[in-house]
Amino acid sequence: MTHEQFVDYIGVYEGFGCKAAVDRDQEGMFFVWNDRELHRMYPISADRFHDAWIAWEYGFKRSDLGELSFLGMKKTQLS
């Protein structure tokens, strides 16, 4: 996965009373869950990621209208 591919995923996803802020830094890709927990992740395909520390996978989905979702939550804003 290139940086350009990941840039589209960067942003804030909200739903179900929860929030995930997806971003990237010098160490790699991550998301911050509910402004508290940082989860580092690495790509296993173009839209699937694996947690760096625990046995969890995360996926991004794009609707027919082109809207992104992560963990079932819609992208609400850019990071």
PDB file of N, CA and C in Angstrom:
ATOM      1  N   MET A   1       0.846  -1.177   0.000  1.00  0.00           N
ATOM      2  CA  MET A   1       0.000   0.000   0.000  1.00  0.00           C
ATOM      3  C   MET A   1       0.888   1.235   0.000  1.00  0.00           C
ATOM      4  N   THR A   2       0.561   2.175  -0.866  1.00  0.00           N
ATOM      5  CA  THR A   2       1.325   3.415  -0.946  1.00  0.00           C
ATOM      6  C   THR A   2       0.746   4.457   0.007  1.00  0.00           C
ATOM      7  N   HIS A   3       1.527   5.492   0.244  1.00  0.00           N
ATOM      8  CA  HIS A   3       1.059   6.588   1.094  1.00  0.00           C
ATOM      9  C   HIS A   3      -0.194   7.223   0.492  1.00  0.00           C
ATOM     10  N   GLU A   4      -0.216   7.366  -0.819  1.00  0.00           N
ATOM     11  CA  GLU A   4      -1.363   7.976  -1.495  1.00  0.00           C
ATOM     12  C   GLU A   4      -2.645   7.179  -1.259  1.00  0.00           C
ATOM     13  N   GLN A   5      -2.539   5.859  -1.266  1.00  0.00           N
ATOM     14  CA  GLN A   5      -3.716   5.022  -1.014  1.00  0.00           C
ATOM     15  C   GLN A   5      -4.219   5.227   0.415  1.00  0.00           C
ATOM     16  N   PHE A   6      -3.301   5.316   1.361  1.00  0.00           N
ATOM     17  CA  PHE A   6      -3.705   5.453   2.755  1.00  0.00           C
ATOM     18  C   PHE A   6      -4.273   6.833   3.059  1.00  0.00           C
ATOM     19  N   VAL A   7      -3.786   7.863   2.364  1.00  0.00           N
ATOM     20  CA  VAL A   7      -4.239   9.237   2.627  1.00  0.00           C
ATOM     21  C   VAL A   7      -5.761   9.336   2.535  1.00  0.00           C
ATOM     22  N   ASP A   8      -6.374   8.595   1.632  1.00  0.00           N
ATOM     23  CA  ASP A   8      -7.831   8.623   1.499  1.00  0.00           C
ATOM     24  C   ASP A   8      -8.534   8.137   2.763  1.00  0.00           C
ATOM     25  N   TYR A   9      -7.901   7.254   3.505  1.00  0.00           N
ATOM     26  CA  TYR A   9      -8.497   6.707   4.732  1.00  0.00           C
ATOM     27  C   TYR A   9      -8.344   7.642   5.933  1.00  0.00           C
ATOM     28  N   ILE A  10      -7.381   8.554   5.887  1.00  0.00           N
ATOM     29  CA  ILE A  10      -7.129   9.447   7.021  1.00  0.00           C
ATOM     30  C   ILE A  10      -8.361  10.319   7.276  1.00  0.00           C
ATOM     31  N   GLY A  11      -8.759  10.396   8.529  1.00  0.00           N
ATOM     32  CA  GLY A  11      -9.891  11.219   8.904  1.00  0.00           C
ATOM     33  C   GLY A  11     -10.566  10.702  10.155  1.00  0.00           C
ATOM     34  N   VAL A  12     -11.697  11.284  10.462  1.00  0.00           N
ATOM     35  CA  VAL A  12     -12.455  10.922  11.660  1.00  0.00           C
ATOM     36  C   VAL A  12     -13.715  10.187  11.237  1.00  0.00           C
ATOM     37  N   TYR A  13     -13.954   9.062  11.891  1.00  0.00           N
ATOM     38  CA  TYR A  13     -15.122   8.225  11.635  1.00  0.00           C
ATOM     39  C   TYR A  13     -15.951   8.200  12.904  1.00  0.00           C
ATOM     40  N   GLU A  14     -17.267   8.417  12.766  1.00  0.00           N
ATOM     41  CA  GLU A  14     -18.124   8.468  13.940  1.00  0.00           C
ATOM     42  C   GLU A  14     -19.402   7.686  13.716  1.00  0.00           C
ATOM     43  N   GLY A  15     -19.888   7.097  14.804  1.00  0.00           N
ATOM     44  CA  GLY A  15     -21.147   6.366  14.780  1.00  0.00           C
ATOM     45  C   GLY A  15     -21.321   5.573  16.055  1.00  0.00           C
ATOM     46  N   PHE A  16     -22.551   5.257  16.384  1.00  0.00           N
ATOM     47  CA  PHE A  16     -22.863   4.428  17.557  1.00  0.00           C
ATOM     48  C   PHE A  16     -22.341   5.049  18.850  1.00  0.00           C
ATOM     49  N   GLY A  17     -22.190   6.387  18.882  1.00  0.00           N
ATOM     50  CA  GLY A  17     -21.656   7.057  20.064  1.00  0.00           C
ATOM     51  C   GLY A  17     -20.158   6.903  20.225  1.00  0.00           C
ATOM     52  N   CYS A  18     -19.466   6.470  19.170  1.00  0.00           N
ATOM     53  CA  CYS A  18     -18.020   6.246  19.227  1.00  0.00           C
ATOM     54  C   CYS A  18     -17.319   7.050  18.135  1.00  0.00           C
ATOM     55  N   LYS A  19     -15.987   7.112  18.264  1.00  0.00           N
ATOM     56  CA  LYS A  19     -15.183   7.853  17.294  1.00  0.00           C
ATOM     57  C   LYS A  19     -13.846   7.157  17.106  1.00  0.00           C
ATOM     58  N   ALA A  20     -13.368   7.128  15.850  1.00  0.00           N
ATOM     59  CA  ALA A  20     -12.037   6.625  15.532  1.00  0.00           C
ATOM     60  C   ALA A  20     -11.369   7.632  14.616  1.00  0.00           C
ATOM     61  N   ALA A  21     -10.223   8.153  15.048  1.00  0.00           N
ATOM     62  CA  ALA A  21      -9.455   9.111  14.245  1.00  0.00           C
ATOM     63  C   ALA A  21      -8.283   8.368  13.622  1.00  0.00           C
ATOM     64  N   VAL A  22      -8.319   8.205  12.303  1.00  0.00           N
ATOM     65  CA  VAL A  22      -7.300   7.447  11.569  1.00  0.00           C
ATOM     66  C   VAL A  22      -6.244   8.418  11.061  1.00  0.00           C
ATOM     67  N   ASP A  23      -4.961   8.056  11.273  1.00  0.00           N
ATOM     68  CA  ASP A  23      -3.870   8.926  10.835  1.00  0.00           C
ATOM     69  C   ASP A  23      -2.608   8.099  10.614  1.00  0.00           C
ATOM     70  N   ARG A  24      -1.535   8.796  10.291  1.00  0.00           N
ATOM     71  CA  ARG A  24      -0.244   8.159  10.047  1.00  0.00           C
ATOM     72  C   ARG A  24       0.844   9.075  10.592  1.00  0.00           C
ATOM     73  N   ASP A  25       1.912   8.476  11.134  1.00  0.00           N
ATOM     74  CA  ASP A  25       3.066   9.250  11.579  1.00  0.00           C
ATOM     75  C   ASP A  25       4.334   8.536  11.120  1.00  0.00           C
ATOM     76  N   GLN A  26       5.482   8.934  11.651  1.00  0.00           N
ATOM     77  CA  GLN A  26       6.747   8.342  11.226  1.00  0.00           C
ATOM     78  C   GLN A  26       6.847   6.851  11.548  1.00  0.00           C
ATOM     79  N   GLU A  27       6.062   6.372  12.507  1.00  0.00           N
ATOM     80  CA  GLU A  27       6.090   4.958  12.879  1.00  0.00           C
ATOM     81  C   GLU A  27       5.109   4.110  12.064  1.00  0.00           C
ATOM     82  N   GLY A  28       4.179   4.750  11.377  1.00  0.00           N
ATOM     83  CA  GLY A  28       3.222   4.009  10.569  1.00  0.00           C
ATOM     84  C   GLY A  28       1.793   4.451  10.798  1.00  0.00           C
ATOM     85  N   MET A  29       0.868   3.562  10.457  1.00  0.00           N
ATOM     86  CA  MET A  29      -0.559   3.863  10.514  1.00  0.00           C
ATOM     87  C   MET A  29      -1.142   3.538  11.883  1.00  0.00           C
ATOM     88  N   PHE A  30      -2.180   4.303  12.256  1.00  0.00           N
ATOM     89  CA  PHE A  30      -2.820   4.075  13.548  1.00  0.00           C
ATOM     90  C   PHE A  30      -4.203   4.711  13.548  1.00  0.00           C
ATOM     91  N   PHE A  31      -4.991   4.373  14.572  1.00  0.00           N
ATOM     92  CA  PHE A  31      -6.212   5.112  14.859  1.00  0.00           C
ATOM     93  C   PHE A  31      -6.320   5.298  16.359  1.00  0.00           C
ATOM     94  N   VAL A  32      -6.971   6.391  16.745  1.00  0.00           N
ATOM     95  CA  VAL A  32      -7.202   6.680  18.154  1.00  0.00           C
ATOM     96  C   VAL A  32      -8.685   6.466  18.411  1.00  0.00           C
ATOM     97  N   TRP A  33      -8.980   5.538  19.315  1.00  0.00           N
ATOM     98  CA  TRP A  33     -10.352   5.160  19.630  1.00  0.00           C
ATOM     99  C   TRP A  33     -10.878   6.044  20.751  1.00  0.00           C
ATOM    100  N   ASN A  34     -11.963   6.762  20.468  1.00  0.00           N
ATOM    101  CA  ASN A  34     -12.640   7.608  21.465  1.00  0.00           C
ATOM    102  C   ASN A  34     -11.696   8.542  22.207  1.00  0.00           C
ATOM    103  N   ASP A  35     -10.723   9.096  21.487  1.00  0.00           N
ATOM    104  CA  ASP A  35      -9.753  10.048  22.056  1.00  0.00           C
ATOM    105  C   ASP A  35      -8.929   9.467  23.203  1.00  0.00           C
ATOM    106  N   ARG A  36      -8.866   8.127  23.327  1.00  0.00           N
ATOM    107  CA  ARG A  36      -8.160   7.522  24.462  1.00  0.00           C
ATOM    108  C   ARG A  36      -7.133   6.473  24.061  1.00  0.00           C
ATOM    109  N   GLU A  37      -7.517   5.523  23.248  1.00  0.00           N
ATOM    110  CA  GLU A  37      -6.661   4.363  22.975  1.00  0.00           C
ATOM    111  C   GLU A  37      -6.042   4.455  21.589  1.00  0.00           C
ATOM    112  N   LEU A  38      -4.724   4.408  21.522  1.00  0.00           N
ATOM    113  CA  LEU A  38      -4.025   4.406  20.251  1.00  0.00           C
ATOM    114  C   LEU A  38      -3.811   2.958  19.803  1.00  0.00           C
ATOM    115  N   HIS A  39      -4.227   2.663  18.581  1.00  0.00           N
ATOM    116  CA  HIS A  39      -4.065   1.327  18.007  1.00  0.00           C
ATOM    117  C   HIS A  39      -3.236   1.433  16.737  1.00  0.00           C
ATOM    118  N   ARG A  40      -2.019   0.920  16.775  1.00  0.00           N
ATOM    119  CA  ARG A  40      -1.177   0.878  15.582  1.00  0.00           C
ATOM    120  C   ARG A  40      -1.644  -0.284  14.715  1.00  0.00           C
ATOM    121  N   MET A  41      -1.562  -0.100  13.397  1.00  0.00           N
ATOM    122  CA  MET A  41      -2.019  -1.152  12.487  1.00  0.00           C
ATOM    123  C   MET A  41      -1.151  -1.161  11.237  1.00  0.00           C
ATOM    124  N   TYR A  42      -1.117  -2.306  10.584  1.00  0.00           N
ATOM    125  CA  TYR A  42      -0.355  -2.431   9.350  1.00  0.00           C
ATOM    126  C   TYR A  42      -1.241  -3.062   8.283  1.00  0.00           C
ATOM    127  N   PRO A  43      -1.021  -2.689   7.021  1.00  0.00           N
ATOM    128  CA  PRO A  43      -1.890  -3.191   5.944  1.00  0.00           C
ATOM    129  C   PRO A  43      -1.629  -4.658   5.627  1.00  0.00           C
ATOM    130  N   ILE A  44      -2.730  -5.375   5.372  1.00  0.00           N
ATOM    131  CA  ILE A  44      -2.623  -6.749   4.887  1.00  0.00           C
ATOM    132  C   ILE A  44      -3.258  -6.869   3.502  1.00  0.00           C
ATOM    133  N   SER A  45      -3.968  -5.823   3.077  1.00  0.00           N
ATOM    134  CA  SER A  45      -4.484  -5.696   1.716  1.00  0.00           C
ATOM    135  C   SER A  45      -4.807  -4.220   1.508  1.00  0.00           C
ATOM    136  N   ALA A  46      -5.395  -3.876   0.383  1.00  0.00           N
ATOM    137  CA  ALA A  46      -5.680  -2.468   0.088  1.00  0.00           C
ATOM    138  C   ALA A  46      -6.676  -1.845   1.056  1.00  0.00           C
ATOM    139  N   ASP A  47      -7.557  -2.661   1.648  1.00  0.00           N
ATOM    140  CA  ASP A  47      -8.566  -2.101   2.556  1.00  0.00           C
ATOM    141  C   ASP A  47      -8.661  -2.823   3.895  1.00  0.00           C
ATOM    142  N   ARG A  48      -7.750  -3.750   4.167  1.00  0.00           N
ATOM    143  CA  ARG A  48      -7.740  -4.491   5.434  1.00  0.00           C
ATOM    144  C   ARG A  48      -6.433  -4.232   6.166  1.00  0.00           C
ATOM    145  N   PHE A  49      -6.547  -4.089   7.495  1.00  0.00           N
ATOM    146  CA  PHE A  49      -5.393  -3.813   8.342  1.00  0.00           C
ATOM    147  C   PHE A  49      -5.418  -4.738   9.545  1.00  0.00           C
ATOM    148  N   HIS A  50      -4.244  -5.032  10.070  1.00  0.00           N
ATOM    149  CA  HIS A  50      -4.126  -5.872  11.256  1.00  0.00           C
ATOM    150  C   HIS A  50      -3.555  -5.029  12.376  1.00  0.00           C
ATOM    151  N   ASP A  51      -4.080  -5.213  13.583  1.00  0.00           N
ATOM    152  CA  ASP A  51      -3.566  -4.512  14.752  1.00  0.00           C
ATOM    153  C   ASP A  51      -2.125  -4.959  14.996  1.00  0.00           C
ATOM    154  N   ALA A  52      -1.277  -4.029  15.395  1.00  0.00           N
ATOM    155  CA  ALA A  52       0.137  -4.335  15.618  1.00  0.00           C
ATOM    156  C   ALA A  52       0.382  -5.161  16.876  1.00  0.00           C
ATOM    157  N   TRP A  53      -0.559  -5.140  17.842  1.00  0.00           N
ATOM    158  CA  TRP A  53      -0.301  -5.813  19.113  1.00  0.00           C
ATOM    159  C   TRP A  53      -1.267  -6.936  19.444  1.00  0.00           C
ATOM    160  N   ILE A  54      -2.463  -6.879  18.931  1.00  0.00           N
ATOM    161  CA  ILE A  54      -3.451  -7.915  19.252  1.00  0.00           C
ATOM    162  C   ILE A  54      -3.993  -8.537  17.972  1.00  0.00           C
ATOM    163  N   ALA A  55      -4.643  -9.661  18.086  1.00  0.00           N
ATOM    164  CA  ALA A  55      -5.125 -10.416  16.920  1.00  0.00           C
ATOM    165  C   ALA A  55      -6.464  -9.884  16.418  1.00  0.00           C
ATOM    166  N   TRP A  56      -6.482  -8.628  15.995  1.00  0.00           N
ATOM    167  CA  TRP A  56      -7.684  -8.010  15.434  1.00  0.00           C
ATOM    168  C   TRP A  56      -7.378  -7.495  14.049  1.00  0.00           C
ATOM    169  N   GLU A  57      -8.381  -7.549  13.191  1.00  0.00           N
ATOM    170  CA  GLU A  57      -8.290  -6.955  11.866  1.00  0.00           C
ATOM    171  C   GLU A  57      -9.323  -5.855  11.742  1.00  0.00           C
ATOM    172  N   TYR A  58      -8.988  -4.842  10.946  1.00  0.00           N
ATOM    173  CA  TYR A  58      -9.872  -3.706  10.716  1.00  0.00           C
ATOM    174  C   TYR A  58     -10.026  -3.524   9.216  1.00  0.00           C
ATOM    175  N   GLY A  59     -11.207  -3.087   8.799  1.00  0.00           N
ATOM    176  CA  GLY A  59     -11.422  -2.891   7.381  1.00  0.00           C
ATOM    177  C   GLY A  59     -12.095  -1.570   7.055  1.00  0.00           C
ATOM    178  N   PHE A  60     -11.732  -1.040   5.912  1.00  0.00           N
ATOM    179  CA  PHE A  60     -12.384   0.140   5.362  1.00  0.00           C
ATOM    180  C   PHE A  60     -13.315  -0.336   4.260  1.00  0.00           C
ATOM    181  N   LYS A  61     -14.485   0.264   4.171  1.00  0.00           N
ATOM    182  CA  LYS A  61     -15.439  -0.072   3.119  1.00  0.00           C
ATOM    183  C   LYS A  61     -15.877   1.213   2.438  1.00  0.00           C
ATOM    184  N   ARG A  62     -16.128   1.094   1.151  1.00  0.00           N
ATOM    185  CA  ARG A  62     -16.618   2.231   0.380  1.00  0.00           C
ATOM    186  C   ARG A  62     -18.017   1.887  -0.138  1.00  0.00           C
ATOM    187  N   SER A  63     -18.967   2.783   0.102  1.00  0.00           N
ATOM    188  CA  SER A  63     -20.341   2.567  -0.359  1.00  0.00           C
ATOM    189  C   SER A  63     -20.417   2.781  -1.868  1.00  0.00           C
ATOM    190  N   ASP A  64     -21.550   2.452  -2.447  1.00  0.00           N
ATOM    191  CA  ASP A  64     -21.764   2.685  -3.876  1.00  0.00           C
ATOM    192  C   ASP A  64     -21.667   4.167  -4.220  1.00  0.00           C
ATOM    193  N   LEU A  65     -21.890   5.029  -3.228  1.00  0.00           N
ATOM    194  CA  LEU A  65     -21.793   6.479  -3.429  1.00  0.00           C
ATOM    195  C   LEU A  65     -20.382   7.011  -3.177  1.00  0.00           C
ATOM    196  N   GLY A  66     -19.463   6.108  -2.815  1.00  0.00           N
ATOM    197  CA  GLY A  66     -18.080   6.506  -2.580  1.00  0.00           C
ATOM    198  C   GLY A  66     -17.764   6.927  -1.164  1.00  0.00           C
ATOM    199  N   GLU A  67     -18.733   6.806  -0.241  1.00  0.00           N
ATOM    200  CA  GLU A  67     -18.500   7.181   1.153  1.00  0.00           C
ATOM    201  C   GLU A  67     -17.718   6.089   1.868  1.00  0.00           C
ATOM    202  N   LEU A  68     -16.735   6.509   2.656  1.00  0.00           N
ATOM    203  CA  LEU A  68     -15.913   5.556   3.403  1.00  0.00           C
ATOM    204  C   LEU A  68     -16.495   5.270   4.781  1.00  0.00           C
ATOM    205  N   SER A  69     -16.290   4.039   5.242  1.00  0.00           N
ATOM    206  CA  SER A  69     -16.616   3.677   6.619  1.00  0.00           C
ATOM    207  C   SER A  69     -15.480   2.835   7.185  1.00  0.00           C
ATOM    208  N   PHE A  70     -15.333   2.888   8.492  1.00  0.00           N
ATOM    209  CA  PHE A  70     -14.303   2.152   9.225  1.00  0.00           C
ATOM    210  C   PHE A  70     -14.930   1.680  10.517  1.00  0.00           C
ATOM    211  N   LEU A  71     -14.808   0.411  10.827  1.00  0.00           N
ATOM    212  CA  LEU A  71     -15.427  -0.181  12.015  1.00  0.00           C
ATOM    213  C   LEU A  71     -16.933   0.072  12.031  1.00  0.00           C
ATOM    214  N   GLY A  72     -17.529   0.143  10.851  1.00  0.00           N
ATOM    215  CA  GLY A  72     -18.968   0.363  10.731  1.00  0.00           C
ATOM    216  C   GLY A  72     -19.402   1.802  10.881  1.00  0.00           C
ATOM    217  N   MET A  73     -18.447   2.719  11.056  1.00  0.00           N
ATOM    218  CA  MET A  73     -18.760   4.138  11.257  1.00  0.00           C
ATOM    219  C   MET A  73     -18.410   4.923   9.998  1.00  0.00           C
ATOM    220  N   LYS A  74     -19.218   5.928   9.690  1.00  0.00           N
ATOM    221  CA  LYS A  74     -18.996   6.742   8.501  1.00  0.00           C
ATOM    222  C   LYS A  74     -17.919   7.796   8.747  1.00  0.00           C
ATOM    223  N   LYS A  75     -17.172   8.084   7.680  1.00  0.00           N
ATOM    224  CA  LYS A  75     -16.173   9.145   7.741  1.00  0.00           C
ATOM    225  C   LYS A  75     -16.892  10.478   7.800  1.00  0.00           C
ATOM    226  N   THR A  76     -16.572  11.267   8.835  1.00  0.00           N
ATOM    227  CA  THR A  76     -17.271  12.538   9.024  1.00  0.00           C
ATOM    228  C   THR A  76     -16.428  13.744   8.672  1.00  0.00           C
ATOM    229  N   GLN A  77     -15.097  13.613   8.764  1.00  0.00           N
ATOM    230  CA  GLN A  77     -14.225  14.736   8.459  1.00  0.00           C
ATOM    231  C   GLN A  77     -12.801  14.261   8.212  1.00  0.00           C
ATOM    232  N   LEU A  78     -12.037  15.114   7.573  1.00  0.00           N
ATOM    233  CA  LEU A  78     -10.617  14.834   7.395  1.00  0.00           C
ATOM    234  C   LEU A  78      -9.905  15.079   8.706  1.00  0.00           C
ATOM    235  N   SER A  79      -8.808  14.390   8.899  1.00  0.00           N
ATOM    236  CA  SER A  79      -8.036  14.557  10.128  1.00  0.00           C
ATOM    237  C   SER A  79      -7.311  15.878  10.123  1.00  0.00           C
TER     238      SER A  79
END
